[in-house]
Amino acid sequence: MAKRLTPPPQMIPGKASVNLLPPGSPGKGEAAFALMRHLHCTGLFFIGDDETDETVFAMRDRLTLGVRVGYYPHSRAQYYVKHQSEVEDVLRFLVHRFDGMPETTRLTH
């Protein structure tokens, strides 16, 4: 059905979705960096698990740290974790390193 739209959208298949973008429009990568500019941020930590996240990982010159959830041999993320359950460990590690908090401090839900 999406191919019948005029003009036909750019289609990016996800794990359980299909993302439709107007032709020539930026993906998640450009959107993430537009938000960075708007918030006057100089760095971006991005973690994702889907093909749609690869547009962010591909912008490595502007991405401070990219982490893919699940190994994907063609990913442009600098790092990966094996399972989503490891995301909390990554966040705890970053908080500890940047704020000097003890590593045993638990993040609250």
PDB file of N, CA and C in Angstrom:
ATOM      1  N   MET A   1       0.827  -1.191   0.000  1.00  0.00           N
ATOM      2  CA  MET A   1       0.000   0.000   0.000  1.00  0.00           C
ATOM      3  C   MET A   1       0.874   1.259   0.000  1.00  0.00           C
ATOM      4  N   ALA A   2       1.957   1.210   0.753  1.00  0.00           N
ATOM      5  CA  ALA A   2       2.811   2.395   0.851  1.00  0.00           C
ATOM      6  C   ALA A   2       3.425   2.756  -0.491  1.00  0.00           C
ATOM      7  N   LYS A   3       3.708   1.762  -1.317  1.00  0.00           N
ATOM      8  CA  LYS A   3       4.302   2.019  -2.630  1.00  0.00           C
ATOM      9  C   LYS A   3       3.332   2.745  -3.557  1.00  0.00           C
ATOM     10  N   ARG A   4       2.061   2.708  -3.238  1.00  0.00           N
ATOM     11  CA  ARG A   4       1.062   3.399  -4.074  1.00  0.00           C
ATOM     12  C   ARG A   4       0.957   4.877  -3.728  1.00  0.00           C
ATOM     13  N   LEU A   5       1.568   5.304  -2.645  1.00  0.00           N
ATOM     14  CA  LEU A   5       1.535   6.716  -2.271  1.00  0.00           C
ATOM     15  C   LEU A   5       2.332   7.541  -3.276  1.00  0.00           C
ATOM     16  N   THR A   6       1.896   8.769  -3.478  1.00  0.00           N
ATOM     17  CA  THR A   6       2.593   9.669  -4.389  1.00  0.00           C
ATOM     18  C   THR A   6       3.002  10.911  -3.631  1.00  0.00           C
ATOM     19  N   PRO A   7       4.258  11.238  -3.621  1.00  0.00           N
ATOM     20  CA  PRO A   7       5.386  10.434  -4.099  1.00  0.00           C
ATOM     21  C   PRO A   7       5.615   9.249  -3.178  1.00  0.00           C
ATOM     22  N   PRO A   8       6.221   8.184  -3.698  1.00  0.00           N
ATOM     23  CA  PRO A   8       6.444   7.009  -2.847  1.00  0.00           C
ATOM     24  C   PRO A   8       7.406   7.339  -1.701  1.00  0.00           C
ATOM     25  N   PRO A   9       7.078   6.904  -0.499  1.00  0.00           N
ATOM     26  CA  PRO A   9       7.934   7.209   0.653  1.00  0.00           C
ATOM     27  C   PRO A   9       9.177   6.326   0.689  1.00  0.00           C
ATOM     28  N   GLN A  10      10.162   6.772   1.428  1.00  0.00           N
ATOM     29  CA  GLN A  10      11.322   5.944   1.732  1.00  0.00           C
ATOM     30  C   GLN A  10      10.861   4.969   2.805  1.00  0.00           C
ATOM     31  N   MET A  11      11.122   3.693   2.619  1.00  0.00           N
ATOM     32  CA  MET A  11      10.688   2.688   3.587  1.00  0.00           C
ATOM     33  C   MET A  11      11.912   2.104   4.294  1.00  0.00           C
ATOM     34  N   ILE A  12      11.860   2.123   5.623  1.00  0.00           N
ATOM     35  CA  ILE A  12      12.925   1.538   6.429  1.00  0.00           C
ATOM     36  C   ILE A  12      12.287   0.461   7.290  1.00  0.00           C
ATOM     37  N   PRO A  13      12.584  -0.806   6.983  1.00  0.00           N
ATOM     38  CA  PRO A  13      11.984  -1.881   7.786  1.00  0.00           C
ATOM     39  C   PRO A  13      12.612  -1.933   9.166  1.00  0.00           C
ATOM     40  N   GLY A  14      11.775  -2.128  10.178  1.00  0.00           N
ATOM     41  CA  GLY A  14      12.236  -2.290  11.551  1.00  0.00           C
ATOM     42  C   GLY A  14      11.968  -3.700  12.017  1.00  0.00           C
ATOM     43  N   LYS A  15      12.199  -3.949  13.291  1.00  0.00           N
ATOM     44  CA  LYS A  15      11.963  -5.287  13.845  1.00  0.00           C
ATOM     45  C   LYS A  15      10.487  -5.670  13.791  1.00  0.00           C
ATOM     46  N   ALA A  16       9.646  -4.752  14.195  1.00  0.00           N
ATOM     47  CA  ALA A  16       8.207  -5.030  14.219  1.00  0.00           C
ATOM     48  C   ALA A  16       7.440  -3.871  13.608  1.00  0.00           C
ATOM     49  N   SER A  17       8.082  -3.182  12.655  1.00  0.00           N
ATOM     50  CA  SER A  17       7.442  -2.016  12.063  1.00  0.00           C
ATOM     51  C   SER A  17       8.081  -1.716  10.710  1.00  0.00           C
ATOM     52  N   VAL A  18       7.432  -0.830   9.995  1.00  0.00           N
ATOM     53  CA  VAL A  18       8.003  -0.261   8.778  1.00  0.00           C
ATOM     54  C   VAL A  18       7.876   1.240   8.930  1.00  0.00           C
ATOM     55  N   ASN A  19       8.996   1.933   8.856  1.00  0.00           N
ATOM     56  CA  ASN A  19       9.004   3.388   8.974  1.00  0.00           C
ATOM     57  C   ASN A  19       8.892   3.991   7.589  1.00  0.00           C
ATOM     58  N   LEU A  20       7.968   4.914   7.435  1.00  0.00           N
ATOM     59  CA  LEU A  20       7.772   5.599   6.164  1.00  0.00           C
ATOM     60  C   LEU A  20       8.202   7.045   6.321  1.00  0.00           C
ATOM     61  N   LEU A  21       9.108   7.482   5.438  1.00  0.00           N
ATOM     62  CA  LEU A  21       9.596   8.858   5.466  1.00  0.00           C
ATOM     63  C   LEU A  21       9.325   9.510   4.130  1.00  0.00           C
ATOM     64  N   PRO A  22       8.998  10.796   4.132  1.00  0.00           N
ATOM     65  CA  PRO A  22       8.852  11.489   2.853  1.00  0.00           C
ATOM     66  C   PRO A  22      10.168  11.406   2.075  1.00  0.00           C
ATOM     67  N   PRO A  23      10.100  11.340   0.747  1.00  0.00           N
ATOM     68  CA  PRO A  23      11.333  11.240  -0.042  1.00  0.00           C
ATOM     69  C   PRO A  23      12.295  12.382   0.284  1.00  0.00           C
ATOM     70  N   GLY A  24      13.552  12.022   0.475  1.00  0.00           N
ATOM     71  CA  GLY A  24      14.579  13.018   0.744  1.00  0.00           C
ATOM     72  C   GLY A  24      14.627  13.542   2.160  1.00  0.00           C
ATOM     73  N   SER A  25      13.743  13.075   3.013  1.00  0.00           N
ATOM     74  CA  SER A  25      13.740  13.581   4.382  1.00  0.00           C
ATOM     75  C   SER A  25      14.789  12.843   5.209  1.00  0.00           C
ATOM     76  N   PRO A  26      15.285  13.504   6.255  1.00  0.00           N
ATOM     77  CA  PRO A  26      16.294  12.853   7.088  1.00  0.00           C
ATOM     78  C   PRO A  26      15.670  11.771   7.964  1.00  0.00           C
ATOM     79  N   GLY A  27      16.493  10.862   8.409  1.00  0.00           N
ATOM     80  CA  GLY A  27      16.042   9.800   9.294  1.00  0.00           C
ATOM     81  C   GLY A  27      16.321  10.147  10.739  1.00  0.00           C
ATOM     82  N   LYS A  28      16.410   9.124  11.578  1.00  0.00           N
ATOM     83  CA  LYS A  28      16.649   9.324  13.004  1.00  0.00           C
ATOM     84  C   LYS A  28      17.958  10.058  13.272  1.00  0.00           C
ATOM     85  N   GLY A  29      18.955   9.806  12.448  1.00  0.00           N
ATOM     86  CA  GLY A  29      20.254  10.438  12.651  1.00  0.00           C
ATOM     87  C   GLY A  29      20.158  11.949  12.614  1.00  0.00           C
ATOM     88  N   GLU A  30      19.609  12.476  11.544  1.00  0.00           N
ATOM     89  CA  GLU A  30      19.474  13.928  11.428  1.00  0.00           C
ATOM     90  C   GLU A  30      18.536  14.490  12.490  1.00  0.00           C
ATOM     91  N   ALA A  31      17.489  13.744  12.814  1.00  0.00           N
ATOM     92  CA  ALA A  31      16.565  14.200  13.858  1.00  0.00           C
ATOM     93  C   ALA A  31      17.272  14.283  15.208  1.00  0.00           C
ATOM     94  N   ALA A  32      18.092  13.280  15.519  1.00  0.00           N
ATOM     95  CA  ALA A  32      18.823  13.278  16.789  1.00  0.00           C
ATOM     96  C   ALA A  32      19.772  14.469  16.866  1.00  0.00           C
ATOM     97  N   PHE A  33      20.447  14.769  15.762  1.00  0.00           N
ATOM     98  CA  PHE A  33      21.405  15.864  15.791  1.00  0.00           C
ATOM     99  C   PHE A  33      20.726  17.228  15.729  1.00  0.00           C
ATOM    100  N   ALA A  34      19.552  17.300  15.140  1.00  0.00           N
ATOM    101  CA  ALA A  34      18.780  18.544  15.200  1.00  0.00           C
ATOM    102  C   ALA A  34      18.370  18.832  16.639  1.00  0.00           C
ATOM    103  N   LEU A  35      17.977  17.788  17.361  1.00  0.00           N
ATOM    104  CA  LEU A  35      17.631  17.947  18.779  1.00  0.00           C
ATOM    105  C   LEU A  35      18.862  18.369  19.583  1.00  0.00           C
ATOM    106  N   MET A  36      20.007  17.786  19.266  1.00  0.00           N
ATOM    107  CA  MET A  36      21.244  18.184  19.939  1.00  0.00           C
ATOM    108  C   MET A  36      21.519  19.664  19.744  1.00  0.00           C
ATOM    109  N   ARG A  37      21.398  20.129  18.513  1.00  0.00           N
ATOM    110  CA  ARG A  37      21.642  21.552  18.231  1.00  0.00           C
ATOM    111  C   ARG A  37      20.651  22.422  18.993  1.00  0.00           C
ATOM    112  N   HIS A  38      19.391  22.011  18.997  1.00  0.00           N
ATOM    113  CA  HIS A  38      18.348  22.767  19.679  1.00  0.00           C
ATOM    114  C   HIS A  38      18.632  22.883  21.182  1.00  0.00           C
ATOM    115  N   LEU A  39      19.150  21.810  21.766  1.00  0.00           N
ATOM    116  CA  LEU A  39      19.435  21.785  23.208  1.00  0.00           C
ATOM    117  C   LEU A  39      20.845  22.266  23.537  1.00  0.00           C
ATOM    118  N   HIS A  40      21.607  22.650  22.513  1.00  0.00           N
ATOM    119  CA  HIS A  40      22.987  23.128  22.680  1.00  0.00           C
ATOM    120  C   HIS A  40      23.872  22.064  23.333  1.00  0.00           C
ATOM    121  N   CYS A  41      23.688  20.818  22.935  1.00  0.00           N
ATOM    122  CA  CYS A  41      24.504  19.712  23.446  1.00  0.00           C
ATOM    123  C   CYS A  41      25.706  19.504  22.535  1.00  0.00           C
ATOM    124  N   THR A  42      26.789  19.064  23.106  1.00  0.00           N
ATOM    125  CA  THR A  42      27.998  18.821  22.318  1.00  0.00           C
ATOM    126  C   THR A  42      28.302  17.342  22.146  1.00  0.00           C
ATOM    127  N   GLY A  43      27.545  16.485  22.803  1.00  0.00           N
ATOM    128  CA  GLY A  43      27.784  15.058  22.682  1.00  0.00           C
ATOM    129  C   GLY A  43      26.477  14.300  22.684  1.00  0.00           C
ATOM    130  N   LEU A  44      26.517  13.095  22.124  1.00  0.00           N
ATOM    131  CA  LEU A  44      25.315  12.269  22.073  1.00  0.00           C
ATOM    132  C   LEU A  44      25.677  10.826  22.390  1.00  0.00           C
ATOM    133  N   PHE A  45      24.995  10.264  23.367  1.00  0.00           N
ATOM    134  CA  PHE A  45      25.044   8.832  23.648  1.00  0.00           C
ATOM    135  C   PHE A  45      23.762   8.273  23.073  1.00  0.00           C
ATOM    136  N   PHE A  46      23.883   7.274  22.214  1.00  0.00           N
ATOM    137  CA  PHE A  46      22.702   6.706  21.574  1.00  0.00           C
ATOM    138  C   PHE A  46      22.782   5.197  21.655  1.00  0.00           C
ATOM    139  N   ILE A  47      21.684   4.591  22.092  1.00  0.00           N
ATOM    140  CA  ILE A  47      21.612   3.134  22.160  1.00  0.00           C
ATOM    141  C   ILE A  47      20.357   2.704  21.419  1.00  0.00           C
ATOM    142  N   GLY A  48      20.487   1.702  20.565  1.00  0.00           N
ATOM    143  CA  GLY A  48      19.351   1.266  19.777  1.00  0.00           C
ATOM    144  C   GLY A  48      19.476  -0.188  19.365  1.00  0.00           C
ATOM    145  N   ASP A  49      18.356  -0.743  18.905  1.00  0.00           N
ATOM    146  CA  ASP A  49      18.329  -2.166  18.582  1.00  0.00           C
ATOM    147  C   ASP A  49      17.696  -2.474  17.231  1.00  0.00           C
ATOM    148  N   ASP A  50      17.571  -1.471  16.389  1.00  0.00           N
ATOM    149  CA  ASP A  50      16.803  -1.674  15.167  1.00  0.00           C
ATOM    150  C   ASP A  50      17.548  -1.118  13.960  1.00  0.00           C
ATOM    151  N   GLU A  51      17.155  -1.555  12.796  1.00  0.00           N
ATOM    152  CA  GLU A  51      17.740  -1.050  11.548  1.00  0.00           C
ATOM    153  C   GLU A  51      17.571   0.461  11.436  1.00  0.00           C
ATOM    154  N   THR A  52      16.467   0.980  11.952  1.00  0.00           N
ATOM    155  CA  THR A  52      16.227   2.426  11.876  1.00  0.00           C
ATOM    156  C   THR A  52      17.241   3.225  12.685  1.00  0.00           C
ATOM    157  N   ASP A  53      17.889   2.597  13.644  1.00  0.00           N
ATOM    158  CA  ASP A  53      18.892   3.272  14.471  1.00  0.00           C
ATOM    159  C   ASP A  53      20.239   3.396  13.768  1.00  0.00           C
ATOM    160  N   GLU A  54      20.415   2.666  12.695  1.00  0.00           N
ATOM    161  CA  GLU A  54      21.692   2.689  11.978  1.00  0.00           C
ATOM    162  C   GLU A  54      21.985   4.056  11.370  1.00  0.00           C
ATOM    163  N   THR A  55      20.958   4.866  11.085  1.00  0.00           N
ATOM    164  CA  THR A  55      21.227   6.214  10.555  1.00  0.00           C
ATOM    165  C   THR A  55      21.917   7.082  11.599  1.00  0.00           C
ATOM    166  N   VAL A  56      21.684   6.795  12.874  1.00  0.00           N
ATOM    167  CA  VAL A  56      22.384   7.517  13.934  1.00  0.00           C
ATOM    168  C   VAL A  56      23.805   6.964  14.059  1.00  0.00           C
ATOM    169  N   PHE A  57      23.935   5.649  14.109  1.00  0.00           N
ATOM    170  CA  PHE A  57      25.254   5.042  14.244  1.00  0.00           C
ATOM    171  C   PHE A  57      26.168   5.419  13.071  1.00  0.00           C
ATOM    172  N   ALA A  58      25.603   5.635  11.910  1.00  0.00           N
ATOM    173  CA  ALA A  58      26.399   5.961  10.724  1.00  0.00           C
ATOM    174  C   ALA A  58      27.040   7.342  10.819  1.00  0.00           C
ATOM    175  N   MET A  59      26.552   8.189  11.688  1.00  0.00           N
ATOM    176  CA  MET A  59      27.067   9.547  11.822  1.00  0.00           C
ATOM    177  C   MET A  59      28.135   9.594  12.916  1.00  0.00           C
ATOM    178  N   ARG A  60      29.085   8.716  12.820  1.00  0.00           N
ATOM    179  CA  ARG A  60      30.081   8.533  13.874  1.00  0.00           C
ATOM    180  C   ARG A  60      30.907   9.779  14.145  1.00  0.00           C
ATOM    181  N   ASP A  61      31.061  10.644  13.154  1.00  0.00           N
ATOM    182  CA  ASP A  61      31.854  11.853  13.387  1.00  0.00           C
ATOM    183  C   ASP A  61      31.161  12.813  14.338  1.00  0.00           C
ATOM    184  N   ARG A  62      29.843  12.667  14.508  1.00  0.00           N
ATOM    185  CA  ARG A  62      29.097  13.548  15.414  1.00  0.00           C
ATOM    186  C   ARG A  62      28.535  12.810  16.618  1.00  0.00           C
ATOM    187  N   LEU A  63      28.687  11.512  16.643  1.00  0.00           N
ATOM    188  CA  LEU A  63      28.153  10.682  17.719  1.00  0.00           C
ATOM    189  C   LEU A  63      29.247  10.426  18.744  1.00  0.00           C
ATOM    190  N   THR A  64      28.985  10.760  19.994  1.00  0.00           N
ATOM    191  CA  THR A  64      29.969  10.542  21.046  1.00  0.00           C
ATOM    192  C   THR A  64      30.108   9.057  21.355  1.00  0.00           C
ATOM    193  N   LEU A  65      28.985   8.369  21.518  1.00  0.00           N
ATOM    194  CA  LEU A  65      29.014   6.955  21.856  1.00  0.00           C
ATOM    195  C   LEU A  65      27.761   6.287  21.317  1.00  0.00           C
ATOM    196  N   GLY A  66      27.947   5.257  20.496  1.00  0.00           N
ATOM    197  CA  GLY A  66      26.832   4.501  19.946  1.00  0.00           C
ATOM    198  C   GLY A  66      26.909   3.053  20.374  1.00  0.00           C
ATOM    199  N   VAL A  67      25.793   2.517  20.872  1.00  0.00           N
ATOM    200  CA  VAL A  67      25.745   1.140  21.352  1.00  0.00           C
ATOM    201  C   VAL A  67      24.561   0.437  20.706  1.00  0.00           C
ATOM    202  N   ARG A  68      24.826  -0.653  20.071  1.00  0.00           N
ATOM    203  CA  ARG A  68      23.777  -1.466  19.457  1.00  0.00           C
ATOM    204  C   ARG A  68      23.367  -2.554  20.442  1.00  0.00           C
ATOM    205  N   VAL A  69      22.086  -2.784  20.572  1.00  0.00           N
ATOM    206  CA  VAL A  69      21.592  -3.891  21.396  1.00  0.00           C
ATOM    207  C   VAL A  69      21.425  -5.088  20.469  1.00  0.00           C
ATOM    208  N   GLY A  70      22.216  -6.108  20.707  1.00  0.00           N
ATOM    209  CA  GLY A  70      22.215  -7.289  19.848  1.00  0.00           C
ATOM    210  C   GLY A  70      23.302  -7.168  18.794  1.00  0.00           C
ATOM    211  N   TYR A  71      24.049  -8.220  18.609  1.00  0.00           N
ATOM    212  CA  TYR A  71      25.132  -8.194  17.625  1.00  0.00           C
ATOM    213  C   TYR A  71      24.554  -8.163  16.216  1.00  0.00           C
ATOM    214  N   TYR A  72      25.048  -7.259  15.426  1.00  0.00           N
ATOM    215  CA  TYR A  72      24.674  -7.146  14.014  1.00  0.00           C
ATOM    216  C   TYR A  72      25.967  -6.836  13.271  1.00  0.00           C
ATOM    217  N   PRO A  73      26.467  -7.766  12.442  1.00  0.00           N
ATOM    218  CA  PRO A  73      27.795  -7.607  11.859  1.00  0.00           C
ATOM    219  C   PRO A  73      27.971  -6.366  10.989  1.00  0.00           C
ATOM    220  N   HIS A  74      26.902  -5.822  10.455  1.00  0.00           N
ATOM    221  CA  HIS A  74      27.002  -4.653   9.576  1.00  0.00           C
ATOM    222  C   HIS A  74      26.688  -3.342  10.288  1.00  0.00           C
ATOM    223  N   SER A  75      26.517  -3.395  11.598  1.00  0.00           N
ATOM    224  CA  SER A  75      26.195  -2.185  12.347  1.00  0.00           C
ATOM    225  C   SER A  75      27.364  -1.214  12.327  1.00  0.00           C
ATOM    226  N   ARG A  76      27.026   0.059  12.343  1.00  0.00           N
ATOM    227  CA  ARG A  76      28.046   1.097  12.422  1.00  0.00           C
ATOM    228  C   ARG A  76      28.226   1.613  13.846  1.00  0.00           C
ATOM    229  N   ALA A  77      27.531   0.999  14.788  1.00  0.00           N
ATOM    230  CA  ALA A  77      27.708   1.372  16.198  1.00  0.00           C
ATOM    231  C   ALA A  77      29.122   1.012  16.634  1.00  0.00           C
ATOM    232  N   GLN A  78      29.678   1.832  17.520  1.00  0.00           N
ATOM    233  CA  GLN A  78      31.032   1.557  18.000  1.00  0.00           C
ATOM    234  C   GLN A  78      31.079   0.330  18.901  1.00  0.00           C
ATOM    235  N   TYR A  79      29.994   0.089  19.635  1.00  0.00           N
ATOM    236  CA  TYR A  79      29.949  -0.999  20.605  1.00  0.00           C
ATOM    237  C   TYR A  79      28.608  -1.707  20.502  1.00  0.00           C
ATOM    238  N   TYR A  80      28.535  -2.852  21.138  1.00  0.00           N
ATOM    239  CA  TYR A  80      27.253  -3.529  21.247  1.00  0.00           C
ATOM    240  C   TYR A  80      27.175  -4.274  22.565  1.00  0.00           C
ATOM    241  N   VAL A  81      25.951  -4.478  23.011  1.00  0.00           N
ATOM    242  CA  VAL A  81      25.679  -5.365  24.138  1.00  0.00           C
ATOM    243  C   VAL A  81      24.873  -6.523  23.585  1.00  0.00           C
ATOM    244  N   LYS A  82      24.978  -7.660  24.213  1.00  0.00           N
ATOM    245  CA  LYS A  82      24.319  -8.853  23.672  1.00  0.00           C
ATOM    246  C   LYS A  82      22.798  -8.813  23.836  1.00  0.00           C
ATOM    247  N   HIS A  83      22.351  -8.290  24.990  1.00  0.00           N
ATOM    248  CA  HIS A  83      20.920  -8.342  25.308  1.00  0.00           C
ATOM    249  C   HIS A  83      20.453  -7.013  25.890  1.00  0.00           C
ATOM    250  N   GLN A  84      19.168  -6.763  25.755  1.00  0.00           N
ATOM    251  CA  GLN A  84      18.578  -5.541  26.302  1.00  0.00           C
ATOM    252  C   GLN A  84      18.758  -5.460  27.810  1.00  0.00           C
ATOM    253  N   SER A  85      18.828  -6.606  28.459  1.00  0.00           N
ATOM    254  CA  SER A  85      18.998  -6.620  29.915  1.00  0.00           C
ATOM    255  C   SER A  85      20.323  -5.981  30.345  1.00  0.00           C
ATOM    256  N   GLU A  86      21.270  -5.810  29.434  1.00  0.00           N
ATOM    257  CA  GLU A  86      22.558  -5.204  29.758  1.00  0.00           C
ATOM    258  C   GLU A  86      22.555  -3.678  29.662  1.00  0.00           C
ATOM    259  N   VAL A  87      21.474  -3.093  29.178  1.00  0.00           N
ATOM    260  CA  VAL A  87      21.404  -1.638  29.017  1.00  0.00           C
ATOM    261  C   VAL A  87      21.553  -0.930  30.359  1.00  0.00           C
ATOM    262  N   GLU A  88      20.914  -1.443  31.402  1.00  0.00           N
ATOM    263  CA  GLU A  88      21.033  -0.822  32.722  1.00  0.00           C
ATOM    264  C   GLU A  88      22.484  -0.811  33.187  1.00  0.00           C
ATOM    265  N   ASP A  89      23.220  -1.873  32.903  1.00  0.00           N
ATOM    266  CA  ASP A  89      24.637  -1.918  33.278  1.00  0.00           C
ATOM    267  C   ASP A  89      25.434  -0.840  32.541  1.00  0.00           C
ATOM    268  N   VAL A  90      25.137  -0.630  31.281  1.00  0.00           N
ATOM    269  CA  VAL A  90      25.814   0.411  30.502  1.00  0.00           C
ATOM    270  C   VAL A  90      25.520   1.782  31.105  1.00  0.00           C
ATOM    271  N   LEU A  91      24.266   2.040  31.422  1.00  0.00           N
ATOM    272  CA  LEU A  91      23.899   3.330  32.004  1.00  0.00           C
ATOM    273  C   LEU A  91      24.556   3.533  33.364  1.00  0.00           C
ATOM    274  N   ARG A  92      24.577   2.494  34.178  1.00  0.00           N
ATOM    275  CA  ARG A  92      25.213   2.587  35.492  1.00  0.00           C
ATOM    276  C   ARG A  92      26.706   2.885  35.335  1.00  0.00           C
ATOM    277  N   PHE A  93      27.351   2.222  34.385  1.00  0.00           N
ATOM    278  CA  PHE A  93      28.768   2.460  34.129  1.00  0.00           C
ATOM    279  C   PHE A  93      29.010   3.913  33.729  1.00  0.00           C
ATOM    280  N   LEU A  94      28.185   4.444  32.829  1.00  0.00           N
ATOM    281  CA  LEU A  94      28.368   5.826  32.378  1.00  0.00           C
ATOM    282  C   LEU A  94      28.124   6.831  33.495  1.00  0.00           C
ATOM    283  N   VAL A  95      27.096   6.609  34.284  1.00  0.00           N
ATOM    284  CA  VAL A  95      26.815   7.513  35.400  1.00  0.00           C
ATOM    285  C   VAL A  95      27.988   7.504  36.364  1.00  0.00           C
ATOM    286  N   HIS A  96      28.497   6.331  36.657  1.00  0.00           N
ATOM    287  CA  HIS A  96      29.637   6.214  37.575  1.00  0.00           C
ATOM    288  C   HIS A  96      30.856   6.953  37.028  1.00  0.00           C
ATOM    289  N   ARG A  97      31.138   6.802  35.763  1.00  0.00           N
ATOM    290  CA  ARG A  97      32.326   7.417  35.166  1.00  0.00           C
ATOM    291  C   ARG A  97      32.206   8.936  35.076  1.00  0.00           C
ATOM    292  N   PHE A  98      31.023   9.439  34.775  1.00  0.00           N
ATOM    293  CA  PHE A  98      30.863  10.884  34.589  1.00  0.00           C
ATOM    294  C   PHE A  98      30.579  11.635  35.879  1.00  0.00           C
ATOM    295  N   ASP A  99      29.904  11.003  36.817  1.00  0.00           N
ATOM    296  CA  ASP A  99      29.552  11.692  38.065  1.00  0.00           C
ATOM    297  C   ASP A  99      30.353  11.226  39.264  1.00  0.00           C
ATOM    298  N   GLY A 100      31.150  10.214  39.103  1.00  0.00           N
ATOM    299  CA  GLY A 100      31.937   9.713  40.217  1.00  0.00           C
ATOM    300  C   GLY A 100      31.122   8.967  41.252  1.00  0.00           C
ATOM    301  N   MET A 101      29.902   8.543  40.888  1.00  0.00           N
ATOM    302  CA  MET A 101      29.075   7.789  41.832  1.00  0.00           C
ATOM    303  C   MET A 101      29.652   6.385  42.001  1.00  0.00           C
ATOM    304  N   PRO A 102      29.483   5.787  43.153  1.00  0.00           N
ATOM    305  CA  PRO A 102      29.929   4.406  43.322  1.00  0.00           C
ATOM    306  C   PRO A 102      29.210   3.502  42.328  1.00  0.00           C
ATOM    307  N   GLU A 103      29.955   2.548  41.784  1.00  0.00           N
ATOM    308  CA  GLU A 103      29.385   1.663  40.778  1.00  0.00           C
ATOM    309  C   GLU A 103      28.244   0.826  41.331  1.00  0.00           C
ATOM    310  N   THR A 104      28.162   0.643  42.619  1.00  0.00           N
ATOM    311  CA  THR A 104      27.113  -0.207  43.189  1.00  0.00           C
ATOM    312  C   THR A 104      25.795   0.544  43.337  1.00  0.00           C
ATOM    313  N   THR A 105      25.777   1.862  43.055  1.00  0.00           N
ATOM    314  CA  THR A 105      24.542   2.630  43.168  1.00  0.00           C
ATOM    315  C   THR A 105      23.539   2.124  42.141  1.00  0.00           C
ATOM    316  N   ARG A 106      22.340   1.826  42.584  1.00  0.00           N
ATOM    317  CA  ARG A 106      21.305   1.297  41.683  1.00  0.00           C
ATOM    318  C   ARG A 106      20.544   2.452  41.062  1.00  0.00           C
ATOM    319  N   LEU A 107      20.206   2.287  39.789  1.00  0.00           N
ATOM    320  CA  LEU A 107      19.325   3.243  39.145  1.00  0.00           C
ATOM    321  C   LEU A 107      17.903   2.937  39.582  1.00  0.00           C
ATOM    322  N   THR A 108      17.105   3.959  39.831  1.00  0.00           N
ATOM    323  CA  THR A 108      15.728   3.728  40.229  1.00  0.00           C
ATOM    324  C   THR A 108      14.853   3.672  38.983  1.00  0.00           C
ATOM    325  N   HIS A 109      13.790   2.928  39.095  1.00  0.00           N
ATOM    326  CA  HIS A 109      12.870   2.748  37.960  1.00  0.00           C
ATOM    327  C   HIS A 109      11.767   3.788  38.025  1.00  0.00           C
TER     328      HIS A 109
END
